[in-house]
């Protein structure tokens, strides 16, 4: 089985195309070879998680989501790769961007700055202290003066979570 390399070594269950490439379970076409996956039975396979996309800042800074990240203010240290909230006025920022299976999860672990998820066709979501929310493709994570758009390499935001079409085959367990 082939998948784009991920750095975190986490195994996820996905769907294999006819050539054995690991894909997101809801993918309709293989990301590596373009083979259609919606017209044949899907075989569930386990493989290394590929990068789930990237967070792209307004300044063009790009953070590949191949591992967890911490969003911190300029004076803080983080155990994960850090994304720094700019500006001298940034208050204590402690936000985690975690990869859980095929999802990107934003957790407010005690930020004094407001943490919002905006755009992507949905209303704004406030991620309160001690809570978490899945960051959907096309939505923007806003922390203080920092805005990061989640760009996924998988299905378009409107189709990624939609029900499978009637002609799609269910995933079979190996």
N, C-alpha and C. Protein backbone atom coordinates (compact mmCIF):
# COMPACT_ATOMS: atom_id res chain seq x y z
N UNK A 1 0.86 -1.18 0.00
CA UNK A 1 0.00 0.00 0.00
C UNK A 1 0.90 1.23 0.00
N UNK A 2 0.44 2.27 -0.68
CA UNK A 2 1.22 3.50 -0.81
C UNK A 2 0.42 4.68 -0.28
N UNK A 3 1.09 5.57 0.43
CA UNK A 3 0.45 6.80 0.92
C UNK A 3 1.50 7.88 0.97
N UNK A 4 1.09 9.15 0.80
CA UNK A 4 2.06 10.22 0.98
C UNK A 4 2.63 10.11 2.39
N UNK A 5 3.94 10.34 2.56
CA UNK A 5 4.52 10.15 3.88
C UNK A 5 3.98 11.12 4.91
N UNK A 6 3.72 10.60 6.10
CA UNK A 6 3.34 11.41 7.24
C UNK A 6 4.45 11.30 8.27
N UNK A 7 4.66 12.35 9.05
CA UNK A 7 5.77 12.34 9.99
C UNK A 7 5.42 11.81 11.37
N UNK A 8 4.12 11.64 11.66
CA UNK A 8 3.77 11.29 13.02
C UNK A 8 3.71 9.78 13.26
N UNK A 9 3.77 8.96 12.23
CA UNK A 9 3.79 7.52 12.40
C UNK A 9 2.47 6.93 12.86
N UNK A 10 1.39 7.70 12.85
CA UNK A 10 0.09 7.22 13.29
C UNK A 10 -0.55 6.43 12.16
N UNK A 11 -1.12 5.27 12.50
CA UNK A 11 -1.83 4.47 11.52
C UNK A 11 -3.32 4.81 11.57
N UNK A 12 -3.93 4.92 10.39
CA UNK A 12 -5.35 5.22 10.29
C UNK A 12 -6.00 4.21 9.34
N UNK A 13 -7.30 4.02 9.54
CA UNK A 13 -8.05 3.18 8.62
C UNK A 13 -8.53 4.04 7.47
N UNK A 14 -8.27 3.57 6.27
CA UNK A 14 -8.68 4.31 5.09
C UNK A 14 -9.19 3.36 4.03
N UNK A 15 -9.34 3.85 2.83
CA UNK A 15 -9.80 3.05 1.70
C UNK A 15 -8.68 2.98 0.68
N UNK A 16 -8.47 1.81 0.12
CA UNK A 16 -7.43 1.63 -0.89
C UNK A 16 -8.05 1.69 -2.28
N UNK A 17 -7.36 2.37 -3.18
CA UNK A 17 -7.80 2.36 -4.58
C UNK A 17 -7.34 1.04 -5.21
N UNK A 18 -7.63 0.84 -6.49
CA UNK A 18 -7.27 -0.40 -7.18
C UNK A 18 -5.75 -0.62 -7.19
N UNK A 19 -4.98 0.45 -7.07
CA UNK A 19 -3.52 0.33 -7.08
C UNK A 19 -2.92 0.26 -5.68
N UNK A 20 -3.78 0.26 -4.65
CA UNK A 20 -3.31 0.10 -3.28
C UNK A 20 -2.95 1.38 -2.57
N UNK A 21 -3.27 2.54 -3.14
CA UNK A 21 -2.95 3.82 -2.48
C UNK A 21 -3.95 4.07 -1.35
N UNK A 22 -3.45 4.47 -0.19
CA UNK A 22 -4.29 4.78 0.96
C UNK A 22 -4.97 6.14 0.75
N UNK A 23 -6.28 6.18 0.99
CA UNK A 23 -7.06 7.41 0.83
C UNK A 23 -7.98 7.60 2.02
N UNK A 24 -8.42 8.84 2.18
CA UNK A 24 -9.44 9.18 3.16
C UNK A 24 -10.66 8.28 2.88
N UNK A 25 -11.33 7.78 3.90
CA UNK A 25 -12.47 6.88 3.67
C UNK A 25 -13.59 7.48 2.82
N UNK A 26 -13.71 8.81 2.79
CA UNK A 26 -14.79 9.44 2.01
C UNK A 26 -14.33 9.92 0.64
N UNK A 27 -13.10 9.65 0.28
CA UNK A 27 -12.57 10.08 -1.01
C UNK A 27 -13.29 9.36 -2.14
N UNK A 28 -13.62 10.07 -3.20
CA UNK A 28 -14.26 9.45 -4.36
C UNK A 28 -13.26 9.14 -5.47
N UNK A 29 -12.11 9.81 -5.44
CA UNK A 29 -11.05 9.57 -6.41
C UNK A 29 -9.73 9.52 -5.66
N UNK A 30 -8.84 8.63 -6.07
CA UNK A 30 -7.53 8.50 -5.42
C UNK A 30 -6.74 9.78 -5.61
N UNK A 31 -6.14 10.26 -4.51
CA UNK A 31 -5.34 11.48 -4.58
C UNK A 31 -4.03 11.28 -5.34
N UNK A 32 -3.50 10.05 -5.35
CA UNK A 32 -2.21 9.83 -6.00
C UNK A 32 -2.32 9.49 -7.47
N UNK A 33 -3.33 8.68 -7.85
CA UNK A 33 -3.41 8.26 -9.25
C UNK A 33 -4.69 8.69 -9.95
N UNK A 34 -5.67 9.22 -9.20
CA UNK A 34 -6.91 9.70 -9.80
C UNK A 34 -7.95 8.62 -10.08
N UNK A 35 -7.66 7.38 -9.71
CA UNK A 35 -8.61 6.29 -9.98
C UNK A 35 -9.92 6.53 -9.24
N UNK A 36 -11.04 6.24 -9.92
CA UNK A 36 -12.36 6.36 -9.30
C UNK A 36 -12.49 5.30 -8.20
N UNK A 37 -13.03 5.73 -7.06
CA UNK A 37 -13.20 4.80 -5.94
C UNK A 37 -14.67 4.60 -5.60
N UNK A 38 -15.57 5.31 -6.29
CA UNK A 38 -16.97 5.25 -5.93
C UNK A 38 -17.74 4.17 -6.69
N UNK A 39 -17.17 3.51 -7.64
CA UNK A 39 -17.89 2.52 -8.42
C UNK A 39 -17.51 1.09 -8.11
N UNK A 40 -16.72 0.89 -7.08
CA UNK A 40 -16.28 -0.47 -6.75
C UNK A 40 -16.34 -0.66 -5.25
N UNK A 41 -16.39 -1.93 -4.81
CA UNK A 41 -16.40 -2.15 -3.35
C UNK A 41 -15.12 -1.59 -2.73
N UNK A 42 -15.27 -1.01 -1.56
CA UNK A 42 -14.10 -0.43 -0.87
C UNK A 42 -13.59 -1.42 0.17
N UNK A 43 -12.30 -1.57 0.19
CA UNK A 43 -11.67 -2.42 1.18
C UNK A 43 -11.03 -1.52 2.22
N UNK A 44 -11.41 -1.68 3.48
CA UNK A 44 -10.81 -0.90 4.55
C UNK A 44 -9.40 -1.42 4.80
N UNK A 45 -8.44 -0.50 4.83
CA UNK A 45 -7.04 -0.87 5.06
C UNK A 45 -6.45 0.05 6.12
N UNK A 46 -5.41 -0.41 6.75
CA UNK A 46 -4.70 0.38 7.76
C UNK A 46 -3.38 0.83 7.17
N UNK A 47 -3.05 2.11 7.34
CA UNK A 47 -1.80 2.61 6.79
C UNK A 47 -1.37 3.88 7.49
N UNK A 48 -0.14 4.36 7.21
CA UNK A 48 0.34 5.59 7.85
C UNK A 48 -0.47 6.80 7.40
N UNK A 49 -0.87 7.62 8.37
CA UNK A 49 -1.69 8.80 8.05
C UNK A 49 -0.88 9.78 7.22
N UNK A 50 -1.42 10.20 6.07
CA UNK A 50 -0.75 11.24 5.28
C UNK A 50 -1.03 12.60 5.90
N UNK A 51 -0.33 13.65 5.47
CA UNK A 51 -0.68 14.99 5.92
C UNK A 51 -2.16 15.27 5.60
N UNK A 52 -2.85 15.94 6.53
CA UNK A 52 -4.28 16.20 6.37
C UNK A 52 -4.57 17.53 5.68
N UNK A 53 -3.56 18.25 5.29
CA UNK A 53 -3.73 19.55 4.65
C UNK A 53 -2.75 20.53 5.25
N UNK A 54 -3.16 21.80 5.31
CA UNK A 54 -2.30 22.84 5.85
C UNK A 54 -3.14 23.96 6.43
N UNK A 55 -2.55 24.68 7.36
CA UNK A 55 -3.11 25.94 7.85
C UNK A 55 -2.34 27.04 7.15
N UNK A 56 -3.07 27.95 6.51
CA UNK A 56 -2.43 29.02 5.73
C UNK A 56 -2.81 30.36 6.35
N UNK A 57 -1.80 31.13 6.75
CA UNK A 57 -2.01 32.44 7.36
C UNK A 57 -2.22 33.51 6.31
N UNK A 58 -2.76 34.65 6.75
CA UNK A 58 -2.98 35.79 5.87
C UNK A 58 -1.69 36.32 5.28
N UNK A 59 -0.57 36.07 5.95
CA UNK A 59 0.74 36.52 5.47
C UNK A 59 1.39 35.49 4.55
N UNK A 60 0.68 34.38 4.27
CA UNK A 60 1.22 33.34 3.41
C UNK A 60 1.95 32.24 4.15
N UNK A 61 2.18 32.40 5.45
CA UNK A 61 2.84 31.34 6.21
C UNK A 61 1.98 30.08 6.14
N UNK A 62 2.64 28.94 5.92
CA UNK A 62 1.92 27.68 5.76
C UNK A 62 2.45 26.66 6.76
N UNK A 63 1.53 25.99 7.44
CA UNK A 63 1.87 24.99 8.45
C UNK A 63 1.24 23.67 8.01
N UNK A 64 2.08 22.73 7.57
CA UNK A 64 1.59 21.44 7.08
C UNK A 64 1.07 20.64 8.27
N UNK A 65 -0.12 20.07 8.10
CA UNK A 65 -0.74 19.30 9.17
C UNK A 65 -0.35 17.83 9.05
N UNK A 66 0.93 17.56 9.35
CA UNK A 66 1.44 16.20 9.37
C UNK A 66 1.76 15.78 10.80
N UNK A 67 1.45 16.65 11.75
CA UNK A 67 1.65 16.41 13.18
C UNK A 67 0.87 17.47 13.95
N UNK A 68 0.80 17.31 15.27
CA UNK A 68 0.13 18.29 16.11
C UNK A 68 0.92 19.60 16.14
N UNK A 69 0.21 20.71 16.39
CA UNK A 69 0.82 22.03 16.52
C UNK A 69 0.26 22.72 17.76
N UNK A 70 1.02 23.64 18.30
CA UNK A 70 0.55 24.49 19.40
C UNK A 70 0.51 25.92 18.90
N UNK A 71 -0.56 26.64 19.23
CA UNK A 71 -0.66 28.07 18.91
C UNK A 71 -0.36 28.81 20.20
N UNK A 72 0.70 29.62 20.20
CA UNK A 72 1.18 30.27 21.42
C UNK A 72 1.47 31.74 21.16
N UNK A 73 1.63 32.53 22.24
CA UNK A 73 2.05 33.91 22.06
C UNK A 73 3.57 33.94 21.97
N UNK A 74 4.11 35.11 21.67
CA UNK A 74 5.55 35.22 21.39
C UNK A 74 6.44 34.81 22.55
N UNK A 75 5.96 34.92 23.79
CA UNK A 75 6.80 34.62 24.93
C UNK A 75 6.72 33.19 25.42
N UNK A 76 5.87 32.35 24.81
CA UNK A 76 5.66 30.99 25.29
C UNK A 76 6.48 29.97 24.56
N UNK A 77 6.74 28.89 25.25
CA UNK A 77 7.42 27.76 24.64
C UNK A 77 6.39 26.64 24.50
N UNK A 78 6.57 25.82 23.48
CA UNK A 78 5.62 24.74 23.24
C UNK A 78 6.37 23.44 22.97
N UNK A 79 5.76 22.31 23.34
CA UNK A 79 6.36 21.02 23.07
C UNK A 79 6.14 20.58 21.63
N UNK A 80 5.06 21.03 21.02
CA UNK A 80 4.75 20.71 19.61
C UNK A 80 5.32 21.82 18.74
N UNK A 81 5.37 21.60 17.42
CA UNK A 81 5.73 22.72 16.57
C UNK A 81 4.80 23.90 16.88
N UNK A 82 5.38 25.09 16.99
CA UNK A 82 4.61 26.25 17.44
C UNK A 82 4.24 27.18 16.30
N UNK A 83 3.00 27.69 16.37
CA UNK A 83 2.51 28.76 15.52
C UNK A 83 2.35 29.95 16.45
N UNK A 84 3.05 31.04 16.18
CA UNK A 84 3.08 32.18 17.10
C UNK A 84 2.04 33.22 16.71
N UNK A 85 1.24 33.64 17.69
CA UNK A 85 0.28 34.73 17.49
C UNK A 85 1.07 36.03 17.49
N UNK A 86 1.00 36.81 16.41
CA UNK A 86 1.81 38.02 16.33
C UNK A 86 1.28 39.15 17.21
N UNK A 87 2.19 40.07 17.48
CA UNK A 87 1.78 41.31 18.16
C UNK A 87 2.11 41.33 19.63
N UNK A 88 2.50 42.50 20.09
CA UNK A 88 2.85 42.66 21.51
C UNK A 88 1.62 42.59 22.42
N UNK A 89 0.42 42.76 21.86
CA UNK A 89 -0.78 42.74 22.68
C UNK A 89 -1.35 41.36 22.90
N UNK A 90 -0.73 40.31 22.32
CA UNK A 90 -1.25 38.95 22.47
C UNK A 90 -1.18 38.53 23.92
N UNK A 91 -2.33 38.14 24.44
CA UNK A 91 -2.38 37.65 25.81
C UNK A 91 -1.99 36.18 25.81
N UNK A 92 -2.02 35.57 26.96
CA UNK A 92 -1.65 34.17 27.09
C UNK A 92 -2.48 33.31 26.13
N UNK A 93 -1.81 32.65 25.20
CA UNK A 93 -2.47 31.83 24.20
C UNK A 93 -2.03 30.39 24.38
N UNK A 94 -2.99 29.51 24.59
CA UNK A 94 -2.69 28.09 24.69
C UNK A 94 -3.77 27.32 23.94
N UNK A 95 -3.50 27.10 22.67
CA UNK A 95 -4.42 26.38 21.80
C UNK A 95 -3.65 25.24 21.15
N UNK A 96 -4.27 24.07 21.12
CA UNK A 96 -3.66 22.93 20.45
C UNK A 96 -4.42 22.63 19.16
N UNK A 97 -3.68 22.31 18.12
CA UNK A 97 -4.25 21.81 16.88
C UNK A 97 -3.76 20.36 16.79
N UNK A 98 -4.70 19.44 17.03
CA UNK A 98 -4.35 18.02 17.09
C UNK A 98 -4.93 17.26 15.91
N UNK A 99 -4.21 16.24 15.49
CA UNK A 99 -4.69 15.36 14.44
C UNK A 99 -5.23 14.11 15.12
N UNK A 100 -6.51 13.84 14.91
CA UNK A 100 -7.16 12.66 15.50
C UNK A 100 -7.79 11.86 14.37
N UNK A 101 -7.16 10.76 14.03
CA UNK A 101 -7.62 9.98 12.88
C UNK A 101 -7.49 10.83 11.62
N UNK A 102 -8.62 11.07 10.94
CA UNK A 102 -8.64 11.89 9.74
C UNK A 102 -9.11 13.31 10.03
N UNK A 103 -9.32 13.66 11.31
CA UNK A 103 -9.84 14.97 11.69
C UNK A 103 -8.76 15.88 12.25
N UNK A 104 -8.96 17.19 12.05
CA UNK A 104 -8.13 18.22 12.66
C UNK A 104 -8.99 18.82 13.78
N UNK A 105 -8.49 18.75 15.02
CA UNK A 105 -9.26 19.18 16.18
C UNK A 105 -8.55 20.36 16.84
N UNK A 106 -9.31 21.43 17.11
CA UNK A 106 -8.79 22.61 17.80
C UNK A 106 -9.24 22.53 19.25
N UNK A 107 -8.29 22.62 20.18
CA UNK A 107 -8.60 22.58 21.60
C UNK A 107 -8.09 23.83 22.28
N UNK A 108 -8.98 24.48 23.03
CA UNK A 108 -8.61 25.64 23.82
C UNK A 108 -8.22 25.11 25.19
N UNK A 109 -6.94 25.10 25.47
CA UNK A 109 -6.45 24.55 26.73
C UNK A 109 -6.12 25.65 27.73
N UNK A 110 -6.79 26.80 27.59
CA UNK A 110 -6.61 27.86 28.57
C UNK A 110 -6.21 29.19 27.98
N UNK A 111 -6.60 29.47 26.75
CA UNK A 111 -6.22 30.72 26.10
C UNK A 111 -7.03 31.88 26.67
N UNK A 112 -6.34 32.99 26.94
CA UNK A 112 -7.02 34.22 27.34
C UNK A 112 -7.57 34.94 26.11
N UNK A 113 -7.03 34.62 24.93
CA UNK A 113 -7.52 35.19 23.67
C UNK A 113 -8.76 34.41 23.23
N UNK A 114 -9.71 35.07 22.59
CA UNK A 114 -10.86 34.33 22.03
C UNK A 114 -10.38 33.37 20.95
N UNK A 115 -10.99 32.20 20.89
CA UNK A 115 -10.68 31.20 19.87
C UNK A 115 -11.95 30.96 19.07
N UNK A 116 -11.89 31.27 17.76
CA UNK A 116 -13.07 31.17 16.90
C UNK A 116 -12.77 30.31 15.68
N UNK A 117 -13.80 29.62 15.18
CA UNK A 117 -13.75 28.95 13.89
C UNK A 117 -14.80 29.65 13.03
N UNK A 118 -14.36 30.21 11.89
CA UNK A 118 -15.26 31.01 11.06
C UNK A 118 -15.24 30.52 9.61
N UNK A 119 -16.19 31.01 8.82
CA UNK A 119 -16.22 30.74 7.38
C UNK A 119 -16.64 29.33 7.05
N UNK A 120 -16.38 28.96 5.81
CA UNK A 120 -16.69 27.61 5.35
C UNK A 120 -18.16 27.30 5.24
N UNK A 121 -18.99 28.32 5.15
CA UNK A 121 -20.41 28.10 4.98
C UNK A 121 -21.18 27.92 6.28
N UNK A 122 -20.49 27.96 7.40
CA UNK A 122 -21.18 27.82 8.69
C UNK A 122 -20.99 29.08 9.51
N UNK A 123 -21.81 29.24 10.53
CA UNK A 123 -21.66 30.38 11.42
C UNK A 123 -20.42 30.23 12.28
N UNK A 124 -20.00 31.31 12.94
CA UNK A 124 -18.82 31.24 13.80
C UNK A 124 -19.06 30.30 14.98
N UNK A 125 -18.01 29.59 15.35
CA UNK A 125 -18.03 28.70 16.50
C UNK A 125 -17.00 29.21 17.50
N UNK A 126 -17.41 29.44 18.73
CA UNK A 126 -16.49 29.83 19.80
C UNK A 126 -16.02 28.56 20.48
N UNK A 127 -14.69 28.38 20.54
CA UNK A 127 -14.13 27.24 21.24
C UNK A 127 -13.72 27.74 22.63
N UNK A 128 -14.56 27.47 23.61
CA UNK A 128 -14.32 27.95 24.97
C UNK A 128 -13.20 27.22 25.67
N UNK A 129 -12.74 27.79 26.76
CA UNK A 129 -11.68 27.15 27.55
C UNK A 129 -12.09 25.74 27.94
N UNK A 130 -11.17 24.81 27.76
CA UNK A 130 -11.41 23.42 28.13
C UNK A 130 -12.25 22.64 27.11
N UNK A 131 -12.57 23.26 25.96
CA UNK A 131 -13.37 22.54 24.97
C UNK A 131 -12.61 22.40 23.65
N UNK A 132 -13.16 21.56 22.78
CA UNK A 132 -12.55 21.27 21.49
C UNK A 132 -13.61 21.28 20.41
N UNK A 133 -13.16 21.47 19.17
CA UNK A 133 -14.07 21.43 18.02
C UNK A 133 -13.29 20.95 16.80
N UNK A 134 -13.96 20.17 15.94
CA UNK A 134 -13.33 19.73 14.70
C UNK A 134 -13.25 20.93 13.76
N UNK A 135 -12.08 21.13 13.18
CA UNK A 135 -11.87 22.19 12.19
C UNK A 135 -12.12 21.59 10.81
N UNK A 136 -13.21 22.01 10.19
CA UNK A 136 -13.59 21.49 8.87
C UNK A 136 -12.80 22.22 7.78
N UNK A 137 -12.52 21.53 6.66
CA UNK A 137 -11.86 22.20 5.54
C UNK A 137 -12.63 23.44 5.10
N UNK A 138 -11.89 24.50 4.80
CA UNK A 138 -12.50 25.75 4.36
C UNK A 138 -12.83 26.71 5.49
N UNK A 139 -12.71 26.25 6.73
CA UNK A 139 -12.96 27.13 7.88
C UNK A 139 -11.65 27.77 8.31
N UNK A 140 -11.76 28.87 9.04
CA UNK A 140 -10.60 29.63 9.49
C UNK A 140 -10.53 29.60 11.01
N UNK A 141 -9.35 29.29 11.54
CA UNK A 141 -9.07 29.35 12.97
C UNK A 141 -8.60 30.77 13.25
N UNK A 142 -9.30 31.46 14.16
CA UNK A 142 -8.94 32.83 14.52
C UNK A 142 -8.59 32.85 16.00
N UNK A 143 -7.36 33.29 16.30
CA UNK A 143 -6.89 33.45 17.67
C UNK A 143 -6.24 34.82 17.76
N UNK A 144 -6.87 35.75 18.48
CA UNK A 144 -6.33 37.11 18.55
C UNK A 144 -6.19 37.69 17.16
N UNK A 145 -4.98 38.14 16.81
CA UNK A 145 -4.72 38.75 15.50
C UNK A 145 -4.36 37.71 14.44
N UNK A 146 -4.34 36.44 14.81
CA UNK A 146 -3.92 35.38 13.89
C UNK A 146 -5.14 34.73 13.22
N UNK A 147 -5.10 34.60 11.90
CA UNK A 147 -6.14 33.89 11.15
C UNK A 147 -5.45 32.83 10.31
N UNK A 148 -5.92 31.57 10.43
CA UNK A 148 -5.34 30.46 9.68
C UNK A 148 -6.44 29.69 8.97
N UNK A 149 -6.40 29.67 7.64
CA UNK A 149 -7.37 28.95 6.83
C UNK A 149 -6.94 27.49 6.73
N UNK A 150 -7.89 26.56 6.99
CA UNK A 150 -7.60 25.13 6.85
C UNK A 150 -7.88 24.71 5.42
N UNK A 151 -6.82 24.34 4.70
CA UNK A 151 -6.91 23.86 3.33
C UNK A 151 -6.61 22.37 3.36
N UNK A 152 -7.59 21.57 2.94
CA UNK A 152 -7.45 20.12 2.96
C UNK A 152 -7.11 19.61 1.57
N UNK A 153 -6.36 18.53 1.53
CA UNK A 153 -6.05 17.93 0.23
C UNK A 153 -7.09 16.88 -0.14
N UNK A 154 -8.10 16.70 0.70
CA UNK A 154 -9.15 15.73 0.44
C UNK A 154 -10.34 16.40 -0.22
N UNK A 155 -11.49 15.74 -0.23
CA UNK A 155 -12.69 16.24 -0.91
C UNK A 155 -12.96 17.70 -0.56
N UNK A 156 -13.68 18.40 -1.43
CA UNK A 156 -14.08 19.78 -1.18
C UNK A 156 -14.91 19.84 0.09
N UNK A 157 -14.88 20.99 0.81
CA UNK A 157 -15.60 21.09 2.08
C UNK A 157 -17.07 20.69 1.98
N UNK A 158 -17.73 21.00 0.91
CA UNK A 158 -19.15 20.68 0.80
C UNK A 158 -19.43 19.21 0.57
N UNK A 159 -18.44 18.45 0.10
CA UNK A 159 -18.67 17.04 -0.22
C UNK A 159 -18.01 16.09 0.76
N UNK A 160 -17.06 16.57 1.56
CA UNK A 160 -16.30 15.67 2.42
C UNK A 160 -17.17 14.96 3.44
N UNK A 161 -18.15 15.63 3.99
CA UNK A 161 -18.96 15.02 5.04
C UNK A 161 -20.38 14.68 4.57
N UNK A 162 -20.63 14.84 3.26
CA UNK A 162 -21.97 14.55 2.77
C UNK A 162 -22.17 13.05 2.69
N UNK A 163 -23.42 12.59 2.75
CA UNK A 163 -23.67 11.15 2.64
C UNK A 163 -23.18 10.63 1.30
N UNK A 164 -22.81 9.37 1.28
CA UNK A 164 -22.33 8.77 0.05
C UNK A 164 -23.48 8.66 -0.94
N UNK A 165 -23.21 8.84 -2.25
CA UNK A 165 -24.26 8.69 -3.24
C UNK A 165 -24.80 7.26 -3.23
N UNK A 166 -26.01 7.07 -3.72
CA UNK A 166 -26.66 5.76 -3.68
C UNK A 166 -25.86 4.69 -4.41
N UNK A 167 -25.06 5.06 -5.42
CA UNK A 167 -24.32 4.06 -6.19
C UNK A 167 -22.99 3.68 -5.53
N UNK A 168 -22.61 4.32 -4.42
CA UNK A 168 -21.35 3.99 -3.75
C UNK A 168 -21.49 2.69 -2.98
N UNK A 169 -20.43 1.93 -2.97
CA UNK A 169 -20.42 0.67 -2.22
C UNK A 169 -19.95 0.93 -0.80
N UNK A 170 -20.47 0.20 0.16
CA UNK A 170 -20.03 0.38 1.55
C UNK A 170 -18.61 -0.12 1.73
N UNK A 171 -17.94 0.34 2.77
CA UNK A 171 -16.59 -0.10 3.08
C UNK A 171 -16.68 -1.50 3.66
N UNK A 172 -15.88 -2.42 3.12
CA UNK A 172 -15.82 -3.77 3.64
C UNK A 172 -14.63 -3.90 4.56
N UNK A 173 -14.77 -4.63 5.63
CA UNK A 173 -13.67 -4.86 6.58
C UNK A 173 -12.82 -6.01 6.09
N UNK A 174 -11.49 -5.83 6.21
CA UNK A 174 -10.56 -6.88 5.78
C UNK A 174 -10.36 -7.88 6.90
